[in-house]
Structures are given as C-alpha cells and as structure tokens.
PDB file of N, CA and C in Angstrom:
ATOM      1  N   MET A   1      96.131 105.354 130.441  1.00  0.00           N
ATOM      2  CA  MET A   1      96.504 104.764 129.512  1.00  0.00           C
ATOM      3  C   MET A   1      97.142 103.673 128.747  1.00  0.00           C
ATOM      4  N   ALA A   2      96.908 102.646 127.552  1.00  0.00           N
ATOM      5  CA  ALA A   2      96.962 101.193 127.039  1.00  0.00           C
ATOM      6  C   ALA A   2      98.376 101.001 126.881  1.00  0.00           C
ATOM      7  N   THR A   3      98.982  99.394 127.412  1.00  0.00           N
ATOM      8  CA  THR A   3     100.786  99.505 126.991  1.00  0.00           C
ATOM      9  C   THR A   3     100.426  98.218 126.239  1.00  0.00           C
ATOM     10  N   ALA A   4     101.345  98.073 124.980  1.00  0.00           N
ATOM     11  CA  ALA A   4     101.334  96.810 124.218  1.00  0.00           C
ATOM     12  C   ALA A   4     101.810  95.874 125.036  1.00  0.00           C
ATOM     13  N   ARG A   5     101.197  94.669 124.437  1.00  0.00           N
ATOM     14  CA  ARG A   5     101.739  93.362 125.367  1.00  0.00           C
ATOM     15  C   ARG A   5     102.729  92.882 125.050  1.00  0.00           C
ATOM     16  N   PRO A   6     103.794  92.769 125.467  1.00  0.00           N
ATOM     17  CA  PRO A   6     105.318  92.591 125.044  1.00  0.00           C
ATOM     18  C   PRO A   6     105.112  91.103 124.210  1.00  0.00           C
ATOM     19  N   THR A   7     104.479  89.844 124.811  1.00  0.00           N
ATOM     20  CA  THR A   7     103.927  88.961 123.764  1.00  0.00           C
ATOM     21  C   THR A   7     103.803  89.207 122.707  1.00  0.00           C
ATOM     22  N   ALA A   8     102.727  90.006 122.474  1.00  0.00           N
ATOM     23  CA  ALA A   8     102.222  90.226 120.853  1.00  0.00           C
ATOM     24  C   ALA A   8     103.396  90.842 120.224  1.00  0.00           C
ATOM     25  N   ALA A   9     104.200  91.475 120.693  1.00  0.00           N
ATOM     26  CA  ALA A   9     105.508  91.921 119.942  1.00  0.00           C
ATOM     27  C   ALA A   9     106.136  90.859 119.142  1.00  0.00           C
ATOM     28  N   LEU A  10     106.402  90.027 120.621  1.00  0.00           N
ATOM     29  CA  LEU A  10     107.781  88.861 120.203  1.00  0.00           C
ATOM     30  C   LEU A  10     106.707  87.742 119.538  1.00  0.00           C
ATOM     31  N   LEU A  11     105.313  87.757 119.509  1.00  0.00           N
ATOM     32  CA  LEU A  11     104.599  86.562 118.840  1.00  0.00           C
ATOM     33  C   LEU A  11     104.474  86.298 117.111  1.00  0.00           C
ATOM     34  N   THR A  12     104.353  87.748 116.745  1.00  0.00           N
ATOM     35  CA  THR A  12     104.433  87.800 115.190  1.00  0.00           C
ATOM     36  C   THR A  12     105.430  86.911 114.959  1.00  0.00           C
ATOM     37  N   PRO A  13     106.813  87.726 115.011  1.00  0.00           N
ATOM     38  CA  PRO A  13     108.331  87.154 114.295  1.00  0.00           C
ATOM     39  C   PRO A  13     108.331  85.909 114.521  1.00  0.00           C
ATOM     40  N   LEU A  14     108.128  85.071 115.742  1.00  0.00           N
ATOM     41  CA  LEU A  14     108.396  83.699 116.176  1.00  0.00           C
ATOM     42  C   LEU A  14     107.352  82.854 115.385  1.00  0.00           C
ATOM     43  N   VAL A  15     106.287  83.037 115.227  1.00  0.00           N
ATOM     44  CA  VAL A  15     105.796  82.627 114.497  1.00  0.00           C
ATOM     45  C   VAL A  15     105.756  82.661 112.860  1.00  0.00           C
ATOM     46  N   ALA A  16     106.356  83.640 112.203  1.00  0.00           N
ATOM     47  CA  ALA A  16     106.956  83.958 110.951  1.00  0.00           C
ATOM     48  C   ALA A  16     107.489  82.917 110.645  1.00  0.00           C
ATOM     49  N   ALA A  17     108.870  82.940 111.666  1.00  0.00           N
ATOM     50  CA  ALA A  17     110.020  82.136 111.629  1.00  0.00           C
ATOM     51  C   ALA A  17     109.815  80.828 111.960  1.00  0.00           C
ATOM     52  N   ALA A  18     109.121  80.404 112.723  1.00  0.00           N
ATOM     53  CA  ALA A  18     108.584  78.687 113.188  1.00  0.00           C
ATOM     54  C   ALA A  18     107.900  78.240 111.997  1.00  0.00           C
ATOM     55  N   GLY A  19     106.989  79.124 111.276  1.00  0.00           N
ATOM     56  CA  GLY A  19     106.459  78.429 109.926  1.00  0.00           C
ATOM     57  C   GLY A  19     107.133  78.652 108.695  1.00  0.00           C
ATOM     58  N   THR A  20     107.657  79.431 108.549  1.00  0.00           N
ATOM     59  CA  THR A  20     108.689  79.297 107.547  1.00  0.00           C
ATOM     60  C   THR A  20     109.893  77.996 107.642  1.00  0.00           C
ATOM     61  N   ALA A  21     109.962  77.727 108.687  1.00  0.00           N
ATOM     62  CA  ALA A  21     111.088  76.587 108.950  1.00  0.00           C
ATOM     63  C   ALA A  21     110.451  75.351 108.658  1.00  0.00           C
ATOM     64  N   VAL A  22     109.359  74.991 109.223  1.00  0.00           N
ATOM     65  CA  VAL A  22     108.226  74.094 109.050  1.00  0.00           C
ATOM     66  C   VAL A  22     108.438  73.848 107.448  1.00  0.00           C
ATOM     67  N   GLY A  23     107.918  75.147 107.008  1.00  0.00           N
ATOM     68  CA  GLY A  23     107.408  75.135 105.441  1.00  0.00           C
ATOM     69  C   GLY A  23     108.988  74.614 104.418  1.00  0.00           C
ATOM     70  N   VAL A  24     109.870  75.329 104.685  1.00  0.00           N
ATOM     71  CA  VAL A  24     110.774  75.111 104.119  1.00  0.00           C
ATOM     72  C   VAL A  24     111.455  74.152 103.870  1.00  0.00           C
ATOM     73  N   LEU A  25     111.439  73.009 105.464  1.00  0.00           N
ATOM     74  CA  LEU A  25     111.902  71.816 105.638  1.00  0.00           C
ATOM     75  C   LEU A  25     111.342  70.585 104.521  1.00  0.00           C
ATOM     76  N   VAL A  26     109.917  70.995 104.855  1.00  0.00           N
ATOM     77  CA  VAL A  26     109.044  69.889 104.364  1.00  0.00           C
ATOM     78  C   VAL A  26     109.456  70.249 102.789  1.00  0.00           C
ATOM     79  N   LEU A  27     109.315  71.560 102.464  1.00  0.00           N
ATOM     80  CA  LEU A  27     109.885  71.326 100.884  1.00  0.00           C
ATOM     81  C   LEU A  27     111.378  70.966 100.237  1.00  0.00           C
ATOM     82  N   TYR A  28     112.271  71.199 101.405  1.00  0.00           N
ATOM     83  CA  TYR A  28     113.459  70.468 101.135  1.00  0.00           C
ATOM     84  C   TYR A  28     113.746  69.139 101.129  1.00  0.00           C
ATOM     85  N   PHE A  29     113.021  68.581 102.286  1.00  0.00           N
ATOM     86  CA  PHE A  29     113.202  67.207 102.371  1.00  0.00           C
ATOM     87  C   PHE A  29     112.614  66.644 100.889  1.00  0.00           C
ATOM     88  N   GLY A  30     111.371  67.258 100.755  1.00  0.00           N
ATOM     89  CA  GLY A  30     110.436  66.288  99.365  1.00  0.00           C
ATOM     90  C   GLY A  30     111.183  66.649  98.129  1.00  0.00           C
ATOM     91  N   GLN A  31     111.431  67.517  98.116  1.00  0.00           N
ATOM     92  CA  GLN A  31     112.465  67.956  96.941  1.00  0.00           C
ATOM     93  C   GLN A  31     114.159  66.848  96.999  1.00  0.00           C
ATOM     94  N   ARG A  32     114.793  66.943  98.189  1.00  0.00           N
ATOM     95  CA  ARG A  32     115.650  65.915  98.363  1.00  0.00           C
ATOM     96  C   ARG A  32     115.249  64.697  97.754  1.00  0.00           C
ATOM     97  N   ALA A  33     114.331  64.057  98.315  1.00  0.00           N
ATOM     98  CA  ALA A  33     113.600  62.947  98.077  1.00  0.00           C
ATOM     99  C   ALA A  33     113.054  62.316  96.398  1.00  0.00           C
ATOM    100  N   LEU A  34     112.549  63.399  95.648  1.00  0.00           N
ATOM    101  CA  LEU A  34     112.534  63.535  94.345  1.00  0.00           C
ATOM    102  C   LEU A  34     113.828  63.834  93.299  1.00  0.00           C
ATOM    103  N   ALA A  35     114.985  64.634  93.975  1.00  0.00           N
ATOM    104  CA  ALA A  35     115.962  64.786  93.284  1.00  0.00           C
ATOM    105  C   ALA A  35     116.543  63.822  92.195  1.00  0.00           C
ATOM    106  N   PRO A  36     116.487  62.889  92.126  1.00  0.00           N
ATOM    107  CA  PRO A  36     116.745  62.034  91.288  1.00  0.00           C
ATOM    108  C   PRO A  36     115.844  61.774  90.074  1.00  0.00           C
ATOM    109  N   VAL A  37     114.751  61.922  90.443  1.00  0.00           N
ATOM    110  CA  VAL A  37     113.215  62.094  89.322  1.00  0.00           C
ATOM    111  C   VAL A  37     113.660  63.417  88.808  1.00  0.00           C
ATOM    112  N   LEU A  38     113.610  64.157  89.294  1.00  0.00           N
ATOM    113  CA  LEU A  38     113.652  65.549  88.851  1.00  0.00           C
ATOM    114  C   LEU A  38     114.732  65.973  87.881  1.00  0.00           C
ATOM    115  N   ALA A  39     116.039  65.079  88.322  1.00  0.00           N
ATOM    116  CA  ALA A  39     117.370  65.038  87.697  1.00  0.00           C
ATOM    117  C   ALA A  39     117.048  64.722  86.272  1.00  0.00           C
ATOM    118  N   GLY A  40     116.008  63.604  85.912  1.00  0.00           N
ATOM    119  CA  GLY A  40     116.032  63.347  84.418  1.00  0.00           C
ATOM    120  C   GLY A  40     115.723  61.290  84.672  1.00  0.00           C
ATOM    121  N   GLY A  41     115.962  60.834  85.726  1.00  0.00           N
ATOM    122  CA  GLY A  41     115.582  59.701  86.084  1.00  0.00           C
ATOM    123  C   GLY A  41     116.652  58.860  86.418  1.00  0.00           C
ATOM    124  N   ARG A  42     116.568  57.787  86.134  1.00  0.00           N
ATOM    125  CA  ARG A  42     117.858  56.619  86.555  1.00  0.00           C
ATOM    126  C   ARG A  42     118.839  56.552  85.267  1.00  0.00           C
ATOM    127  N   GLY A  43     117.908  56.579  84.221  1.00  0.00           N
ATOM    128  CA  GLY A  43     119.187  56.638  82.980  1.00  0.00           C
ATOM    129  C   GLY A  43     119.682  57.761  82.523  1.00  0.00           C
ATOM    130  N   SER A  44     119.334  58.786  83.286  1.00  0.00           N
ATOM    131  CA  SER A  44     119.944  60.361  82.641  1.00  0.00           C
ATOM    132  C   SER A  44     121.656  60.370  82.669  1.00  0.00           C
ATOM    133  N   VAL A  45     121.978  61.340  81.965  1.00  0.00           N
ATOM    134  CA  VAL A  45     123.483  61.735  81.790  1.00  0.00           C
ATOM    135  C   VAL A  45     124.061  61.756  83.446  1.00  0.00           C
ATOM    136  N   CYS A  46     123.579  62.738  84.216  1.00  0.00           N
ATOM    137  CA  CYS A  46     123.666  63.133  85.000  1.00  0.00           C
ATOM    138  C   CYS A  46     123.070  62.578  86.568  1.00  0.00           C
ATOM    139  N   ALA A  47     123.348  61.057  86.881  1.00  0.00           N
ATOM    140  CA  ALA A  47     122.393  60.771  87.751  1.00  0.00           C
ATOM    141  C   ALA A  47     122.711  60.585  88.997  1.00  0.00           C
ATOM    142  N   GLN A  48     124.543  61.127  89.297  1.00  0.00           N
ATOM    143  CA  GLN A  48     125.529  61.232  90.229  1.00  0.00           C
ATOM    144  C   GLN A  48     125.188  61.823  90.989  1.00  0.00           C
ATOM    145  N   PRO A  49     124.996  61.876  92.621  1.00  0.00           N
ATOM    146  CA  PRO A  49     124.650  62.840  93.400  1.00  0.00           C
ATOM    147  C   PRO A  49     125.378  64.221  93.342  1.00  0.00           C
ATOM    148  N   ASP A  50     126.598  63.943  93.095  1.00  0.00           N
ATOM    149  CA  ASP A  50     127.372  65.571  93.070  1.00  0.00           C
ATOM    150  C   ASP A  50     127.184  66.439  91.653  1.00  0.00           C
ATOM    151  N   CYS A  51     126.101  65.722  90.897  1.00  0.00           N
ATOM    152  CA  CYS A  51     125.575  66.774  89.611  1.00  0.00           C
ATOM    153  C   CYS A  51     124.410  67.523  90.306  1.00  0.00           C
ATOM    154  N   MET A  52     123.722  67.115  91.473  1.00  0.00           N
ATOM    155  CA  MET A  52     122.891  67.805  92.263  1.00  0.00           C
ATOM    156  C   MET A  52     122.948  68.592  93.072  1.00  0.00           C
ATOM    157  N   LEU A  53     124.404  69.042  93.348  1.00  0.00           N
ATOM    158  CA  LEU A  53     125.343  69.487  94.364  1.00  0.00           C
ATOM    159  C   LEU A  53     124.488  71.031  94.561  1.00  0.00           C
ATOM    160  N   GLY A  54     125.162  71.408  93.405  1.00  0.00           N
ATOM    161  CA  GLY A  54     124.795  72.901  92.983  1.00  0.00           C
ATOM    162  C   GLY A  54     123.228  73.315  93.328  1.00  0.00           C
ATOM    163  N   VAL A  55     121.949  72.508  92.900  1.00  0.00           N
ATOM    164  CA  VAL A  55     120.712  72.984  93.275  1.00  0.00           C
ATOM    165  C   VAL A  55     120.724  72.861  95.181  1.00  0.00           C
ATOM    166  N   GLY A  56     121.304  71.802  95.618  1.00  0.00           N
ATOM    167  CA  GLY A  56     120.987  71.235  97.086  1.00  0.00           C
ATOM    168  C   GLY A  56     122.178  72.304  97.671  1.00  0.00           C
ATOM    169  N   VAL A  57     122.830  73.005  97.328  1.00  0.00           N
ATOM    170  CA  VAL A  57     123.575  74.090  97.884  1.00  0.00           C
ATOM    171  C   VAL A  57     122.588  75.215  97.655  1.00  0.00           C
ATOM    172  N   TRP A  58     122.018  75.679  96.783  1.00  0.00           N
ATOM    173  CA  TRP A  58     121.269  76.765  96.734  1.00  0.00           C
ATOM    174  C   TRP A  58     120.262  76.602  97.249  1.00  0.00           C
ATOM    175  N   LEU A  59     119.355  75.585  97.575  1.00  0.00           N
ATOM    176  CA  LEU A  59     118.274  75.272  98.179  1.00  0.00           C
ATOM    177  C   LEU A  59     118.512  75.542  99.617  1.00  0.00           C
ATOM    178  N   ILE A  60     119.800  74.816 100.237  1.00  0.00           N
ATOM    179  CA  ILE A  60     119.957  75.283 101.684  1.00  0.00           C
ATOM    180  C   ILE A  60     120.612  76.568 102.090  1.00  0.00           C
ATOM    181  N   VAL A  61     120.861  77.765 101.396  1.00  0.00           N
ATOM    182  CA  VAL A  61     121.237  78.895 101.065  1.00  0.00           C
ATOM    183  C   VAL A  61     119.990  79.645 101.046  1.00  0.00           C
ATOM    184  N   GLY A  62     119.380  79.522 100.104  1.00  0.00           N
ATOM    185  CA  GLY A  62     117.895  79.878 100.061  1.00  0.00           C
ATOM    186  C   GLY A  62     116.546  79.704 101.249  1.00  0.00           C
ATOM    187  N   GLY A  63     117.259  78.379 101.608  1.00  0.00           N
ATOM    188  CA  GLY A  63     116.120  78.207 102.774  1.00  0.00           C
ATOM    189  C   GLY A  63     116.527  79.103 104.290  1.00  0.00           C
ATOM    190  N   PHE A  64     117.858  79.284 104.245  1.00  0.00           N
ATOM    191  CA  PHE A  64     118.803  79.815 105.380  1.00  0.00           C
ATOM    192  C   PHE A  64     118.163  81.530 105.157  1.00  0.00           C
ATOM    193  N   LEU A  65     118.286  81.886 103.826  1.00  0.00           N
ATOM    194  CA  LEU A  65     117.887  83.469 103.386  1.00  0.00           C
ATOM    195  C   LEU A  65     116.433  83.894 104.072  1.00  0.00           C
ATOM    196  N   MET A  66     115.416  82.898 103.849  1.00  0.00           N
ATOM    197  CA  MET A  66     113.818  82.749 103.518  1.00  0.00           C
ATOM    198  C   MET A  66     113.855  82.780 105.315  1.00  0.00           C
ATOM    199  N   LEU A  67     114.638  82.053 106.096  1.00  0.00           N
ATOM    200  CA  LEU A  67     114.376  82.052 107.577  1.00  0.00           C
ATOM    201  C   LEU A  67     114.758  83.688 108.124  1.00  0.00           C
ATOM    202  N   VAL A  68     115.567  84.495 107.457  1.00  0.00           N
ATOM    203  CA  VAL A  68     116.267  85.522 108.037  1.00  0.00           C
ATOM    204  C   VAL A  68     114.958  86.524 107.865  1.00  0.00           C
ATOM    205  N   VAL A  69     114.687  86.517 106.318  1.00  0.00           N
ATOM    206  CA  VAL A  69     113.573  87.074 105.899  1.00  0.00           C
ATOM    207  C   VAL A  69     112.463  87.220 106.673  1.00  0.00           C
ATOM    208  N   SER A  70     111.875  86.112 106.888  1.00  0.00           N
ATOM    209  CA  SER A  70     110.768  86.105 107.422  1.00  0.00           C
ATOM    210  C   SER A  70     110.608  86.358 109.329  1.00  0.00           C
ATOM    211  N   LEU A  71     112.316  86.395 109.596  1.00  0.00           N
ATOM    212  CA  LEU A  71     111.707  86.951 111.192  1.00  0.00           C
ATOM    213  C   LEU A  71     112.184  88.374 110.793  1.00  0.00           C
ATOM    214  N   LEU A  72     113.007  88.838 109.845  1.00  0.00           N
ATOM    215  CA  LEU A  72     112.647  90.360 109.978  1.00  0.00           C
ATOM    216  C   LEU A  72     111.759  90.843 109.516  1.00  0.00           C
ATOM    217  N   ALA A  73     110.958  90.323 108.731  1.00  0.00           N
ATOM    218  CA  ALA A  73     109.113  90.618 108.021  1.00  0.00           C
ATOM    219  C   ALA A  73     108.379  90.533 109.080  1.00  0.00           C
ATOM    220  N   GLY A  74     108.738  89.523 110.117  1.00  0.00           N
ATOM    221  CA  GLY A  74     107.977  89.272 111.486  1.00  0.00           C
ATOM    222  C   GLY A  74     108.262  90.622 111.835  1.00  0.00           C
ATOM    223  N   VAL A  75     109.155  90.925 112.340  1.00  0.00           N
ATOM    224  CA  VAL A  75     109.499  91.984 113.125  1.00  0.00           C
ATOM    225  C   VAL A  75     108.738  93.745 112.617  1.00  0.00           C
ATOM    226  N   VAL A  76     108.876  93.749 111.476  1.00  0.00           N
ATOM    227  CA  VAL A  76     108.688  94.880 110.346  1.00  0.00           C
ATOM    228  C   VAL A  76     107.367  94.954 110.479  1.00  0.00           C
ATOM    229  N   PHE A  77     106.420  93.929 110.260  1.00  0.00           N
ATOM    230  CA  PHE A  77     105.281  93.947 109.939  1.00  0.00           C
ATOM    231  C   PHE A  77     104.209  93.281 110.844  1.00  0.00           C
ATOM    232  N   ARG A  78     104.682  93.359 112.542  1.00  0.00           N
ATOM    233  CA  ARG A  78     104.045  92.614 113.573  1.00  0.00           C
ATOM    234  C   ARG A  78     102.567  93.380 113.768  1.00  0.00           C
ATOM    235  N   ASP A  79     101.476  92.953 114.358  1.00  0.00           N
ATOM    236  CA  ASP A  79      99.993  93.182 114.626  1.00  0.00           C
ATOM    237  C   ASP A  79      99.869  93.107 116.072  1.00  0.00           C
ATOM    238  N   ARG A  80      99.382  94.314 116.631  1.00  0.00           N
ATOM    239  CA  ARG A  80      99.544  94.398 118.362  1.00  0.00           C
ATOM    240  C   ARG A  80      97.803  93.253 118.257  1.00  0.00           C
ATOM    241  N   ASP A  81      97.045  93.587 117.289  1.00  0.00           N
ATOM    242  CA  ASP A  81      95.418  92.546 117.401  1.00  0.00           C
ATOM    243  C   ASP A  81      95.630  91.353 117.454  1.00  0.00           C
ATOM    244  N   ARG A  82      96.147  90.961 116.248  1.00  0.00           N
ATOM    245  CA  ARG A  82      96.386  89.636 115.602  1.00  0.00           C
ATOM    246  C   ARG A  82      97.862  89.162 115.235  1.00  0.00           C
ATOM    247  N   PRO A  83      98.463  89.060 116.546  1.00  0.00           N
ATOM    248  CA  PRO A  83      99.983  88.178 115.717  1.00  0.00           C
ATOM    249  C   PRO A  83     100.534  87.117 115.182  1.00  0.00           C
ATOM    250  N   VAL A  84      99.452  86.280 115.632  1.00  0.00           N
ATOM    251  CA  VAL A  84      99.861  84.888 115.091  1.00  0.00           C
ATOM    252  C   VAL A  84      99.300  84.778 113.626  1.00  0.00           C
ATOM    253  N   ARG A  85      97.998  85.501 113.474  1.00  0.00           N
ATOM    254  CA  ARG A  85      97.723  85.575 111.825  1.00  0.00           C
ATOM    255  C   ARG A  85      98.308  86.226 110.888  1.00  0.00           C
ATOM    256  N   ARG A  86      99.416  87.344 111.534  1.00  0.00           N
ATOM    257  CA  ARG A  86      99.999  88.147 110.592  1.00  0.00           C
ATOM    258  C   ARG A  86     101.150  87.359 110.612  1.00  0.00           C
ATOM    259  N   GLY A  87     101.697  86.673 111.211  1.00  0.00           N
ATOM    260  CA  GLY A  87     102.607  85.858 111.682  1.00  0.00           C
ATOM    261  C   GLY A  87     102.854  84.412 110.432  1.00  0.00           C
ATOM    262  N   LEU A  88     101.756  84.176 110.236  1.00  0.00           N
ATOM    263  CA  LEU A  88     101.389  83.105 109.439  1.00  0.00           C
ATOM    264  C   LEU A  88     101.180  83.484 108.130  1.00  0.00           C
ATOM    265  N   PHE A  89     100.742  84.926 107.862  1.00  0.00           N
ATOM    266  CA  PHE A  89     100.752  85.461 106.395  1.00  0.00           C
ATOM    267  C   PHE A  89     102.143  85.955 106.329  1.00  0.00           C
ATOM    268  N   VAL A  90     103.175  85.874 107.202  1.00  0.00           N
ATOM    269  CA  VAL A  90     104.270  85.926 106.579  1.00  0.00           C
ATOM    270  C   VAL A  90     105.334  84.734 106.143  1.00  0.00           C
ATOM    271  N   ALA A  91     104.837  84.161 107.180  1.00  0.00           N
ATOM    272  CA  ALA A  91     105.384  82.576 106.852  1.00  0.00           C
ATOM    273  C   ALA A  91     104.884  81.938 105.493  1.00  0.00           C
ATOM    274  N   LEU A  92     103.594  82.286 104.974  1.00  0.00           N
ATOM    275  CA  LEU A  92     103.399  81.858 103.955  1.00  0.00           C
ATOM    276  C   LEU A  92     103.503  82.244 102.585  1.00  0.00           C
ATOM    277  N   TRP A  93     104.017  83.621 102.892  1.00  0.00           N
ATOM    278  CA  TRP A  93     104.504  84.739 101.397  1.00  0.00           C
ATOM    279  C   TRP A  93     106.294  83.813 101.716  1.00  0.00           C
ATOM    280  N   CYS A  94     107.012  83.819 102.481  1.00  0.00           N
ATOM    281  CA  CYS A  94     107.990  83.002 102.504  1.00  0.00           C
ATOM    282  C   CYS A  94     108.405  81.873 101.971  1.00  0.00           C
ATOM    283  N   VAL A  95     107.222  81.031 102.077  1.00  0.00           N
ATOM    284  CA  VAL A  95     107.591  79.667 101.945  1.00  0.00           C
ATOM    285  C   VAL A  95     106.956  79.317 100.184  1.00  0.00           C
ATOM    286  N   VAL A  96     106.235  80.705 100.058  1.00  0.00           N
ATOM    287  CA  VAL A  96     105.972  80.297  98.437  1.00  0.00           C
ATOM    288  C   VAL A  96     107.275  81.441  97.784  1.00  0.00           C
ATOM    289  N   ALA A  97     107.924  82.268  98.346  1.00  0.00           N
ATOM    290  CA  ALA A  97     108.853  82.674  97.525  1.00  0.00           C
ATOM    291  C   ALA A  97     110.038  81.338  97.403  1.00  0.00           C
ATOM    292  N   TYR A  98     110.245  80.718  98.591  1.00  0.00           N
ATOM    293  CA  TYR A  98     110.903  79.462  98.567  1.00  0.00           C
ATOM    294  C   TYR A  98     110.931  78.408  97.387  1.00  0.00           C
ATOM    295  N   PHE A  99     109.513  78.429  97.309  1.00  0.00           N
ATOM    296  CA  PHE A  99     109.234  77.582  95.961  1.00  0.00           C
ATOM    297  C   PHE A  99     109.079  77.951  95.014  1.00  0.00           C
ATOM    298  N   VAL A 100     108.978  79.316  94.417  1.00  0.00           N
ATOM    299  CA  VAL A 100     109.622  79.861  93.616  1.00  0.00           C
ATOM    300  C   VAL A 100     110.912  79.550  93.362  1.00  0.00           C
ATOM    301  N   GLU A 101     111.552  79.845  93.837  1.00  0.00           N
ATOM    302  CA  GLU A 101     113.212  79.304  94.102  1.00  0.00           C
ATOM    303  C   GLU A 101     113.887  78.202  93.582  1.00  0.00           C
ATOM    304  N   SER A 102     113.361  77.328  94.155  1.00  0.00           N
ATOM    305  CA  SER A 102     113.261  75.951  93.835  1.00  0.00           C
ATOM    306  C   SER A 102     112.726  75.607  92.342  1.00  0.00           C
ATOM    307  N   VAL A 103     111.910  75.821  92.070  1.00  0.00           N
ATOM    308  CA  VAL A 103     111.692  75.921  90.702  1.00  0.00           C
ATOM    309  C   VAL A 103     112.154  76.010  89.518  1.00  0.00           C
ATOM    310  N   VAL A 104     112.547  77.677  89.978  1.00  0.00           N
ATOM    311  CA  VAL A 104     113.613  78.007  89.083  1.00  0.00           C
ATOM    312  C   VAL A 104     114.834  77.627  89.099  1.00  0.00           C
ATOM    313  N   LEU A 105     115.500  76.885  90.256  1.00  0.00           N
ATOM    314  CA  LEU A 105     116.489  76.161  90.528  1.00  0.00           C
ATOM    315  C   LEU A 105     116.718  74.477  89.498  1.00  0.00           C
ATOM    316  N   TRP A 106     115.471  74.062  89.635  1.00  0.00           N
ATOM    317  CA  TRP A 106     115.459  72.997  88.813  1.00  0.00           C
ATOM    318  C   TRP A 106     115.157  73.188  87.318  1.00  0.00           C
ATOM    319  N   ILE A 107     114.634  74.325  87.068  1.00  0.00           N
ATOM    320  CA  ILE A 107     114.700  74.174  85.615  1.00  0.00           C
ATOM    321  C   ILE A 107     115.773  74.854  84.832  1.00  0.00           C
ATOM    322  N   LEU A 108     116.552  75.624  85.489  1.00  0.00           N
ATOM    323  CA  LEU A 108     117.774  76.028  85.478  1.00  0.00           C
ATOM    324  C   LEU A 108     119.072  74.788  85.512  1.00  0.00           C
ATOM    325  N   ALA A 109     118.865  73.913  86.223  1.00  0.00           N
ATOM    326  CA  ALA A 109     119.927  72.837  86.508  1.00  0.00           C
ATOM    327  C   ALA A 109     119.926  71.831  85.093  1.00  0.00           C
TER     328      ALA A 109
END
C-alpha cells in the first residue's frame, strides 16, 4: 500500500503562499514608487500622499486576501506528484488577480 508523502501535502500550499507573497510585494512596492506618476504627476491637483491613501489601503487589503486565497487554493488543489509546479501555478494566478485589482483601483482613483 502506497502512502502519501507528508511533505508533498504541505509543499503545494507553502510554495503557493511564498510565491504569492513575493509577487504581491514586488507589485506593491513598484506601485508605491510609481504612485506620484500614476496619480497625475507633480503638477496634479491630488499630489499629496493622503490622496492616494485609499488606493494604498485597498492594495494592502487585496494583497492580504490574495495571500489567504493562495494558501487555501494550495490546500484544495494540491498535487502529490508535482507539488512545486502546482504551487507556482496557484501563485501565478493569484499574482495576476492582484495585478488586475491594482489596475482597476488606479483607473478608478
């Protein structure tokens, strides 16, 4: 009787959460650096940091939610044969969802 490897069951959610965390942090800090440009440049009406506070808060909330979603999706869609590949696949889709959310937020801001 073949037994499942306990590391394979844990590896998919861990890879998914770690990959999502790295991707979300890269996108968040990139948008944070580009925030004055994205909000209209130096001569814009809303050049103060508190004008972008709403977008920043939603980006933080969205990043946390993507991390939770990736962890849950890693548990649900775990693969015994290729856990790292499945974890990276889950992380990719979560980072894409975070990117789409951030584009929508910057368009609406």
